[in-house]
Amino acid sequence: MKLKGKYIKIISDNENYTEWLNRKLIITYVSNKGNGYDDAMYPELLCDMQDAETGEECPFALYECEFEVL
């Protein structure tokens, strides 16, 4: 599935994401290699996001298992 441009919500219970849990996010970048990618997570994609309403960039990236496509 093509993820870039999709709307998502976070489903991870990671306490670092608390401020972002109830926001509708949009995926802006997707990769499964490069700086910051944990090879142990392959083939999961690592995604950058922003708030769909405000455009505010998320200060973290999420793996596919940490969000749900809306």
Protein backbone atom coordinates (compact mmCIF):
# COMPACT_ATOMS: atom_id res chain seq x y z
CA MET A 1 0.00 0.00 0.00
CA LYS A 2 1.25 3.48 -0.83
CA LEU A 3 1.46 5.32 2.51
CA LYS A 4 2.68 8.80 1.55
CA GLY A 5 -0.28 11.18 1.72
CA LYS A 6 -2.41 8.83 3.83
CA TYR A 7 -4.14 10.01 6.99
CA ILE A 8 -3.27 8.08 10.14
CA LYS A 9 -3.71 7.99 13.90
CA ILE A 10 -1.18 6.74 16.42
CA ILE A 11 -2.03 3.46 18.16
CA SER A 12 1.27 3.01 20.02
CA ASP A 13 1.22 3.44 23.80
CA ASN A 14 4.70 5.01 23.81
CA GLU A 15 4.62 7.84 26.36
CA ASN A 16 6.68 10.06 24.03
CA TYR A 17 3.69 10.32 21.66
CA THR A 18 1.08 11.43 24.23
CA GLU A 19 0.71 14.97 22.82
CA TRP A 20 0.06 13.53 19.35
CA LEU A 21 -2.35 10.67 20.19
CA ASN A 22 -5.63 12.38 19.32
CA ARG A 23 -4.43 14.19 16.21
CA LYS A 24 -5.19 13.30 12.61
CA LEU A 25 -1.78 13.03 10.95
CA ILE A 26 -0.71 12.83 7.33
CA ILE A 27 2.35 10.88 6.17
CA THR A 28 4.92 13.05 4.39
CA TYR A 29 7.87 10.68 3.89
CA VAL A 30 8.32 6.89 3.89
CA SER A 31 11.50 4.76 3.92
CA ASN A 32 12.88 1.39 5.01
CA LYS A 33 16.56 2.33 4.94
CA GLY A 34 18.93 5.12 5.85
CA ASN A 35 19.75 7.19 8.91
CA GLY A 36 17.48 6.41 11.85
CA TYR A 37 16.07 3.20 10.40
CA ASP A 38 16.44 0.14 12.65
CA ASP A 39 17.33 -2.78 10.35
CA ALA A 40 15.70 -5.17 12.83
CA MET A 41 12.34 -3.61 11.86
CA TYR A 42 12.68 -4.52 8.17
CA PRO A 43 10.41 -4.66 6.14
CA GLU A 44 8.35 -2.21 8.24
CA LEU A 45 8.37 1.29 6.79
CA LEU A 46 9.44 4.28 8.88
CA CYS A 47 7.22 7.30 8.28
CA ASP A 48 7.48 11.04 8.90
CA MET A 49 4.20 12.84 9.55
CA GLN A 50 2.64 16.21 10.15
CA ASP A 51 -0.59 17.35 11.79
CA ALA A 52 -3.25 17.30 9.05
CA GLU A 53 -4.92 20.47 10.39
CA THR A 54 -2.04 22.69 11.47
CA GLY A 55 0.81 21.40 9.28
CA GLU A 56 3.04 21.06 12.37
CA GLU A 57 5.79 18.49 11.72
CA CYS A 58 5.96 15.57 14.14
CA PRO A 59 9.25 15.56 16.07
CA PHE A 60 9.54 11.78 15.60
CA ALA A 61 8.95 9.09 12.99
CA LEU A 62 6.75 6.01 13.36
CA TYR A 63 6.97 2.46 12.08
CA GLU A 64 3.86 1.02 10.42
CA CYS A 65 3.03 -1.07 13.50
CA GLU A 66 2.65 2.12 15.57
CA PHE A 67 -0.21 3.68 13.60
CA GLU A 68 -3.49 2.90 11.89
CA VAL A 69 -4.46 4.22 8.44
CA LEU A 70 -7.77 6.08 8.57
